[in-house]
Amino acid sequence: MLLKYLFIITLIILFVPPVRRFVFYLLVGRQLVKQQRQANGFERRQEGEIRVDNKPPKGDAPFKGGDYVDYEEVK
């Protein structure tokens, strides 16, 4: 009887980490993979492409001009 319990405890100690990793993958891993694929789908752009999320309105611009500054060549 005692030998049976020791055998079961030994099996649990030996096989719990792989079982734990497998259960973690089933519960959390699939969701992480789905979220990563979804995020990569939205971010899939070519290198150098510019994306503007918010454009200011065409009308009332706060800056309407400036002063003329003389150009001087520095040697």
PDB file of N, CA and C in Angstrom:
ATOM      1  N   MET A   1       0.833  -1.189   0.000  1.00  0.00           N
ATOM      2  CA  MET A   1       0.000   0.000   0.000  1.00  0.00           C
ATOM      3  C   MET A   1       0.878   1.254   0.000  1.00  0.00           C
ATOM      4  N   LEU A   2       1.864   1.290   0.877  1.00  0.00           N
ATOM      5  CA  LEU A   2       2.761   2.436   0.946  1.00  0.00           C
ATOM      6  C   LEU A   2       3.587   2.560  -0.327  1.00  0.00           C
ATOM      7  N   LEU A   3       3.966   1.426  -0.877  1.00  0.00           N
ATOM      8  CA  LEU A   3       4.742   1.423  -2.113  1.00  0.00           C
ATOM      9  C   LEU A   3       3.926   2.005  -3.273  1.00  0.00           C
ATOM     10  N   LYS A   4       2.632   1.733  -3.253  1.00  0.00           N
ATOM     11  CA  LYS A   4       1.749   2.263  -4.287  1.00  0.00           C
ATOM     12  C   LYS A   4       1.708   3.793  -4.223  1.00  0.00           C
ATOM     13  N   TYR A   5       1.597   4.366  -3.026  1.00  0.00           N
ATOM     14  CA  TYR A   5       1.573   5.818  -2.865  1.00  0.00           C
ATOM     15  C   TYR A   5       2.907   6.450  -3.258  1.00  0.00           C
ATOM     16  N   LEU A   6       4.000   5.824  -2.891  1.00  0.00           N
ATOM     17  CA  LEU A   6       5.312   6.338  -3.278  1.00  0.00           C
ATOM     18  C   LEU A   6       5.483   6.320  -4.803  1.00  0.00           C
ATOM     19  N   PHE A   7       4.993   5.282  -5.433  1.00  0.00           N
ATOM     20  CA  PHE A   7       5.064   5.185  -6.886  1.00  0.00           C
ATOM     21  C   PHE A   7       4.242   6.288  -7.552  1.00  0.00           C
ATOM     22  N   ILE A   8       3.053   6.549  -7.049  1.00  0.00           N
ATOM     23  CA  ILE A   8       2.186   7.596  -7.598  1.00  0.00           C
ATOM     24  C   ILE A   8       2.814   8.975  -7.403  1.00  0.00           C
ATOM     25  N   ILE A   9       3.368   9.223  -6.228  1.00  0.00           N
ATOM     26  CA  ILE A   9       4.030  10.505  -5.958  1.00  0.00           C
ATOM     27  C   ILE A   9       5.236  10.687  -6.880  1.00  0.00           C
ATOM     28  N   THR A  10       5.987   9.613  -7.082  1.00  0.00           N
ATOM     29  CA  THR A  10       7.145   9.679  -7.981  1.00  0.00           C
ATOM     30  C   THR A  10       6.701   9.984  -9.407  1.00  0.00           C
ATOM     31  N   LEU A  11       5.646   9.350  -9.856  1.00  0.00           N
ATOM     32  CA  LEU A  11       5.131   9.620 -11.204  1.00  0.00           C
ATOM     33  C   LEU A  11       4.657  11.063 -11.342  1.00  0.00           C
ATOM     34  N   ILE A  12       3.993  11.572 -10.338  1.00  0.00           N
ATOM     35  CA  ILE A  12       3.512  12.962 -10.375  1.00  0.00           C
ATOM     36  C   ILE A  12       4.690  13.932 -10.443  1.00  0.00           C
ATOM     37  N   ILE A  13       5.701  13.678  -9.623  1.00  0.00           N
ATOM     38  CA  ILE A  13       6.875  14.561  -9.621  1.00  0.00           C
ATOM     39  C   ILE A  13       7.572  14.521 -10.980  1.00  0.00           C
ATOM     40  N   LEU A  14       7.636  13.344 -11.595  1.00  0.00           N
ATOM     41  CA  LEU A  14       8.325  13.213 -12.877  1.00  0.00           C
ATOM     42  C   LEU A  14       7.550  13.828 -14.035  1.00  0.00           C
ATOM     43  N   PHE A  15       6.236  13.709 -14.026  1.00  0.00           N
ATOM     44  CA  PHE A  15       5.452  14.081 -15.196  1.00  0.00           C
ATOM     45  C   PHE A  15       4.619  15.356 -15.046  1.00  0.00           C
ATOM     46  N   VAL A  16       4.662  16.014 -13.935  1.00  0.00           N
ATOM     47  CA  VAL A  16       3.884  17.246 -13.773  1.00  0.00           C
ATOM     48  C   VAL A  16       4.426  18.388 -14.646  1.00  0.00           C
ATOM     49  N   PRO A  17       5.740  18.641 -14.717  1.00  0.00           N
ATOM     50  CA  PRO A  17       6.198  19.754 -15.564  1.00  0.00           C
ATOM     51  C   PRO A  17       5.786  19.623 -17.038  1.00  0.00           C
ATOM     52  N   PRO A  18       5.931  18.471 -17.680  1.00  0.00           N
ATOM     53  CA  PRO A  18       5.447  18.379 -19.065  1.00  0.00           C
ATOM     54  C   PRO A  18       3.933  18.563 -19.167  1.00  0.00           C
ATOM     55  N   VAL A  19       3.213  17.990 -18.218  1.00  0.00           N
ATOM     56  CA  VAL A  19       1.752  18.149 -18.237  1.00  0.00           C
ATOM     57  C   VAL A  19       1.382  19.605 -18.016  1.00  0.00           C
ATOM     58  N   ARG A  20       2.095  20.255 -17.098  1.00  0.00           N
ATOM     59  CA  ARG A  20       1.824  21.654 -16.806  1.00  0.00           C
ATOM     60  C   ARG A  20       2.087  22.512 -18.048  1.00  0.00           C
ATOM     61  N   ARG A  21       3.198  22.255 -18.765  1.00  0.00           N
ATOM     62  CA  ARG A  21       3.507  23.000 -19.986  1.00  0.00           C
ATOM     63  C   ARG A  21       2.432  22.772 -21.049  1.00  0.00           C
ATOM     64  N   PHE A  22       1.975  21.548 -21.183  1.00  0.00           N
ATOM     65  CA  PHE A  22       0.950  21.229 -22.175  1.00  0.00           C
ATOM     66  C   PHE A  22      -0.369  21.932 -21.856  1.00  0.00           C
ATOM     67  N   VAL A  23      -0.775  21.905 -20.594  1.00  0.00           N
ATOM     68  CA  VAL A  23      -2.018  22.572 -20.194  1.00  0.00           C
ATOM     69  C   VAL A  23      -1.888  24.082 -20.380  1.00  0.00           C
ATOM     70  N   PHE A  24      -0.736  24.647 -20.056  1.00  0.00           N
ATOM     71  CA  PHE A  24      -0.510  26.075 -20.258  1.00  0.00           C
ATOM     72  C   PHE A  24      -0.621  26.425 -21.734  1.00  0.00           C
ATOM     73  N   TYR A  25      -0.051  25.592 -22.610  1.00  0.00           N
ATOM     74  CA  TYR A  25      -0.155  25.844 -24.047  1.00  0.00           C
ATOM     75  C   TYR A  25      -1.609  25.777 -24.496  1.00  0.00           C
ATOM     76  N   LEU A  26      -2.357  24.793 -23.992  1.00  0.00           N
ATOM     77  CA  LEU A  26      -3.755  24.681 -24.397  1.00  0.00           C
ATOM     78  C   LEU A  26      -4.577  25.880 -23.947  1.00  0.00           C
ATOM     79  N   LEU A  27      -4.326  26.367 -22.735  1.00  0.00           N
ATOM     80  CA  LEU A  27      -5.132  27.455 -22.192  1.00  0.00           C
ATOM     81  C   LEU A  27      -4.680  28.829 -22.675  1.00  0.00           C
ATOM     82  N   VAL A  28      -3.384  29.078 -22.681  1.00  0.00           N
ATOM     83  CA  VAL A  28      -2.873  30.424 -22.937  1.00  0.00           C
ATOM     84  C   VAL A  28      -2.154  30.529 -24.276  1.00  0.00           C
ATOM     85  N   GLY A  29      -1.426  29.510 -24.640  1.00  0.00           N
ATOM     86  CA  GLY A  29      -0.586  29.565 -25.835  1.00  0.00           C
ATOM     87  C   GLY A  29      -1.352  29.831 -27.103  1.00  0.00           C
ATOM     88  N   ARG A  30      -2.484  29.209 -27.281  1.00  0.00           N
ATOM     89  CA  ARG A  30      -3.277  29.420 -28.492  1.00  0.00           C
ATOM     90  C   ARG A  30      -3.770  30.855 -28.586  1.00  0.00           C
ATOM     91  N   GLN A  31      -4.189  31.418 -27.464  1.00  0.00           N
ATOM     92  CA  GLN A  31      -4.654  32.806 -27.473  1.00  0.00           C
ATOM     93  C   GLN A  31      -3.521  33.758 -27.820  1.00  0.00           C
ATOM     94  N   LEU A  32      -2.333  33.501 -27.286  1.00  0.00           N
ATOM     95  CA  LEU A  32      -1.186  34.345 -27.602  1.00  0.00           C
ATOM     96  C   LEU A  32      -0.850  34.276 -29.082  1.00  0.00           C
ATOM     97  N   VAL A  33      -0.891  33.090 -29.655  1.00  0.00           N
ATOM     98  CA  VAL A  33      -0.586  32.931 -31.071  1.00  0.00           C
ATOM     99  C   VAL A  33      -1.622  33.664 -31.916  1.00  0.00           C
ATOM    100  N   LYS A  34      -2.885  33.575 -31.555  1.00  0.00           N
ATOM    101  CA  LYS A  34      -3.943  34.271 -32.294  1.00  0.00           C
ATOM    102  C   LYS A  34      -3.764  35.780 -32.221  1.00  0.00           C
ATOM    103  N   GLN A  35      -3.451  36.298 -31.046  1.00  0.00           N
ATOM    104  CA  GLN A  35      -3.255  37.731 -30.895  1.00  0.00           C
ATOM    105  C   GLN A  35      -2.036  38.211 -31.666  1.00  0.00           C
ATOM    106  N   GLN A  36      -0.973  37.439 -31.677  1.00  0.00           N
ATOM    107  CA  GLN A  36       0.218  37.826 -32.431  1.00  0.00           C
ATOM    108  C   GLN A  36      -0.068  37.832 -33.929  1.00  0.00           C
ATOM    109  N   ARG A  37      -0.782  36.847 -34.415  1.00  0.00           N
ATOM    110  CA  ARG A  37      -1.135  36.823 -35.841  1.00  0.00           C
ATOM    111  C   ARG A  37      -2.030  38.005 -36.199  1.00  0.00           C
ATOM    112  N   GLN A  38      -2.978  38.321 -35.328  1.00  0.00           N
ATOM    113  CA  GLN A  38      -3.876  39.441 -35.586  1.00  0.00           C
ATOM    114  C   GLN A  38      -3.100  40.757 -35.591  1.00  0.00           C
ATOM    115  N   ALA A  39      -2.195  40.939 -34.653  1.00  0.00           N
ATOM    116  CA  ALA A  39      -1.412  42.168 -34.586  1.00  0.00           C
ATOM    117  C   ALA A  39      -0.482  42.276 -35.790  1.00  0.00           C
ATOM    118  N   ASN A  40       0.119  41.188 -36.214  1.00  0.00           N
ATOM    119  CA  ASN A  40       0.998  41.220 -37.382  1.00  0.00           C
ATOM    120  C   ASN A  40       0.223  41.505 -38.655  1.00  0.00           C
ATOM    121  N   GLY A  41      -1.036  41.117 -38.707  1.00  0.00           N
ATOM    122  CA  GLY A  41      -1.868  41.400 -39.882  1.00  0.00           C
ATOM    123  C   GLY A  41      -2.109  42.888 -40.047  1.00  0.00           C
ATOM    124  N   PHE A  42      -2.291  43.606 -38.961  1.00  0.00           N
ATOM    125  CA  PHE A  42      -2.530  45.034 -39.037  1.00  0.00           C
ATOM    126  C   PHE A  42      -1.243  45.805 -39.306  1.00  0.00           C
ATOM    127  N   GLU A  43      -0.124  45.280 -38.872  1.00  0.00           N
ATOM    128  CA  GLU A  43       1.153  45.981 -39.000  1.00  0.00           C
ATOM    129  C   GLU A  43       1.894  45.605 -40.278  1.00  0.00           C
ATOM    130  N   ARG A  44       1.305  44.826 -41.130  1.00  0.00           N
ATOM    131  CA  ARG A  44       1.989  44.364 -42.326  1.00  0.00           C
ATOM    132  C   ARG A  44       2.021  45.482 -43.366  1.00  0.00           C
ATOM    133  N   ARG A  45       3.110  46.213 -43.398  1.00  0.00           N
ATOM    134  CA  ARG A  45       3.321  47.290 -44.364  1.00  0.00           C
ATOM    135  C   ARG A  45       4.716  47.139 -44.941  1.00  0.00           C
ATOM    136  N   GLN A  46       4.890  47.720 -46.100  1.00  0.00           N
ATOM    137  CA  GLN A  46       6.215  47.673 -46.696  1.00  0.00           C
ATOM    138  C   GLN A  46       7.114  48.684 -46.019  1.00  0.00           C
ATOM    139  N   GLU A  47       8.408  48.433 -46.093  1.00  0.00           N
ATOM    140  CA  GLU A  47       9.378  49.314 -45.475  1.00  0.00           C
ATOM    141  C   GLU A  47       9.360  50.662 -46.192  1.00  0.00           C
ATOM    142  N   GLY A  48       9.319  51.727 -45.408  1.00  0.00           N
ATOM    143  CA  GLY A  48       9.313  53.072 -45.962  1.00  0.00           C
ATOM    144  C   GLY A  48       7.914  53.633 -46.188  1.00  0.00           C
ATOM    145  N   GLU A  49       6.890  52.842 -45.989  1.00  0.00           N
ATOM    146  CA  GLU A  49       5.523  53.311 -46.177  1.00  0.00           C
ATOM    147  C   GLU A  49       5.129  54.201 -45.000  1.00  0.00           C
ATOM    148  N   ILE A  50       4.460  55.288 -45.302  1.00  0.00           N
ATOM    149  CA  ILE A  50       4.047  56.233 -44.265  1.00  0.00           C
ATOM    150  C   ILE A  50       2.553  56.098 -44.060  1.00  0.00           C
ATOM    151  N   ARG A  51       2.149  56.090 -42.799  1.00  0.00           N
ATOM    152  CA  ARG A  51       0.735  55.965 -42.460  1.00  0.00           C
ATOM    153  C   ARG A  51       0.362  57.118 -41.542  1.00  0.00           C
ATOM    154  N   VAL A  52      -0.688  57.848 -41.905  1.00  0.00           N
ATOM    155  CA  VAL A  52      -1.162  58.970 -41.102  1.00  0.00           C
ATOM    156  C   VAL A  52      -2.533  58.601 -40.558  1.00  0.00           C
ATOM    157  N   ASP A  53      -2.648  58.568 -39.233  1.00  0.00           N
ATOM    158  CA  ASP A  53      -3.917  58.206 -38.617  1.00  0.00           C
ATOM    159  C   ASP A  53      -4.850  59.400 -38.475  1.00  0.00           C
ATOM    160  N   ASN A  54      -4.292  60.588 -38.238  1.00  0.00           N
ATOM    161  CA  ASN A  54      -5.114  61.751 -37.973  1.00  0.00           C
ATOM    162  C   ASN A  54      -4.593  62.930 -38.790  1.00  0.00           C
ATOM    163  N   LYS A  55      -5.416  63.432 -39.705  1.00  0.00           N
ATOM    164  CA  LYS A  55      -5.029  64.591 -40.504  1.00  0.00           C
ATOM    165  C   LYS A  55      -5.695  65.830 -39.905  1.00  0.00           C
ATOM    166  N   PRO A  56      -4.971  66.941 -39.812  1.00  0.00           N
ATOM    167  CA  PRO A  56      -5.592  68.172 -39.331  1.00  0.00           C
ATOM    168  C   PRO A  56      -6.562  68.700 -40.384  1.00  0.00           C
ATOM    169  N   PRO A  57      -7.564  69.452 -39.964  1.00  0.00           N
ATOM    170  CA  PRO A  57      -8.520  69.999 -40.940  1.00  0.00           C
ATOM    171  C   PRO A  57      -7.827  70.977 -41.886  1.00  0.00           C
ATOM    172  N   LYS A  58      -8.341  71.070 -43.122  1.00  0.00           N
ATOM    173  CA  LYS A  58      -7.725  71.918 -44.146  1.00  0.00           C
ATOM    174  C   LYS A  58      -7.852  73.399 -43.826  1.00  0.00           C
ATOM    175  N   GLY A  59      -8.902  73.817 -43.216  1.00  0.00           N
ATOM    176  CA  GLY A  59      -9.184  75.236 -42.975  1.00  0.00           C
ATOM    177  C   GLY A  59      -8.254  75.903 -41.992  1.00  0.00           C
ATOM    178  N   ASP A  60      -8.694  76.336 -40.926  1.00  0.00           N
ATOM    179  CA  ASP A  60      -8.070  77.150 -39.888  1.00  0.00           C
ATOM    180  C   ASP A  60      -6.712  76.623 -39.417  1.00  0.00           C
ATOM    181  N   ALA A  61      -5.645  76.991 -40.089  1.00  0.00           N
ATOM    182  CA  ALA A  61      -4.306  76.585 -39.657  1.00  0.00           C
ATOM    183  C   ALA A  61      -3.774  77.617 -38.657  1.00  0.00           C
ATOM    184  N   PRO A  62      -3.130  77.192 -37.558  1.00  0.00           N
ATOM    185  CA  PRO A  62      -2.656  78.159 -36.562  1.00  0.00           C
ATOM    186  C   PRO A  62      -1.449  78.974 -37.054  1.00  0.00           C
ATOM    187  N   PHE A  63      -0.658  78.444 -37.975  1.00  0.00           N
ATOM    188  CA  PHE A  63       0.519  79.151 -38.470  1.00  0.00           C
ATOM    189  C   PHE A  63       0.232  79.620 -39.888  1.00  0.00           C
ATOM    190  N   LYS A  64       0.225  80.940 -40.099  1.00  0.00           N
ATOM    191  CA  LYS A  64      -0.144  81.474 -41.410  1.00  0.00           C
ATOM    192  C   LYS A  64       1.038  82.085 -42.153  1.00  0.00           C
ATOM    193  N   GLY A  65       2.191  82.122 -41.581  1.00  0.00           N
ATOM    194  CA  GLY A  65       3.339  82.674 -42.281  1.00  0.00           C
ATOM    195  C   GLY A  65       4.430  83.016 -41.293  1.00  0.00           C
ATOM    196  N   GLY A  66       5.533  83.602 -41.787  1.00  0.00           N
ATOM    197  CA  GLY A  66       6.631  83.928 -40.904  1.00  0.00           C
ATOM    198  C   GLY A  66       7.407  85.120 -41.444  1.00  0.00           C
ATOM    199  N   ASP A  67       8.494  85.444 -40.795  1.00  0.00           N
ATOM    200  CA  ASP A  67       9.339  86.555 -41.216  1.00  0.00           C
ATOM    201  C   ASP A  67      10.412  86.051 -42.163  1.00  0.00           C
ATOM    202  N   TYR A  68      10.844  86.931 -43.055  1.00  0.00           N
ATOM    203  CA  TYR A  68      11.920  86.610 -43.970  1.00  0.00           C
ATOM    204  C   TYR A  68      13.249  86.789 -43.245  1.00  0.00           C
ATOM    205  N   VAL A  69      14.128  85.785 -43.366  1.00  0.00           N
ATOM    206  CA  VAL A  69      15.440  85.847 -42.736  1.00  0.00           C
ATOM    207  C   VAL A  69      16.480  85.827 -43.845  1.00  0.00           C
ATOM    208  N   ASP A  70      17.408  86.802 -43.819  1.00  0.00           N
ATOM    209  CA  ASP A  70      18.457  86.853 -44.825  1.00  0.00           C
ATOM    210  C   ASP A  70      19.365  85.641 -44.704  1.00  0.00           C
ATOM    211  N   TYR A  71      19.760  85.139 -45.865  1.00  0.00           N
ATOM    212  CA  TYR A  71      20.665  83.996 -45.913  1.00  0.00           C
ATOM    213  C   TYR A  71      22.092  84.475 -45.952  1.00  0.00           C
ATOM    214  N   GLU A  72      22.924  83.925 -45.092  1.00  0.00           N
ATOM    215  CA  GLU A  72      24.342  84.269 -45.097  1.00  0.00           C
ATOM    216  C   GLU A  72      25.128  82.980 -45.230  1.00  0.00           C
ATOM    217  N   GLU A  73      26.078  82.989 -46.166  1.00  0.00           N
ATOM    218  CA  GLU A  73      26.885  81.801 -46.380  1.00  0.00           C
ATOM    219  C   GLU A  73      28.001  81.759 -45.350  1.00  0.00           C
ATOM    220  N   VAL A  74      28.182  80.630 -44.710  1.00  0.00           N
ATOM    221  CA  VAL A  74      29.217  80.456 -43.699  1.00  0.00           C
ATOM    222  C   VAL A  74      30.377  79.726 -44.321  1.00  0.00           C
ATOM    223  N   LYS A  75      31.615  80.306 -44.166  1.00  0.00           N
ATOM    224  CA  LYS A  75      32.805  79.669 -44.765  1.00  0.00           C
ATOM    225  C   LYS A  75      33.688  79.075 -43.710  1.00  0.00           C
TER     226      LYS A  75
END
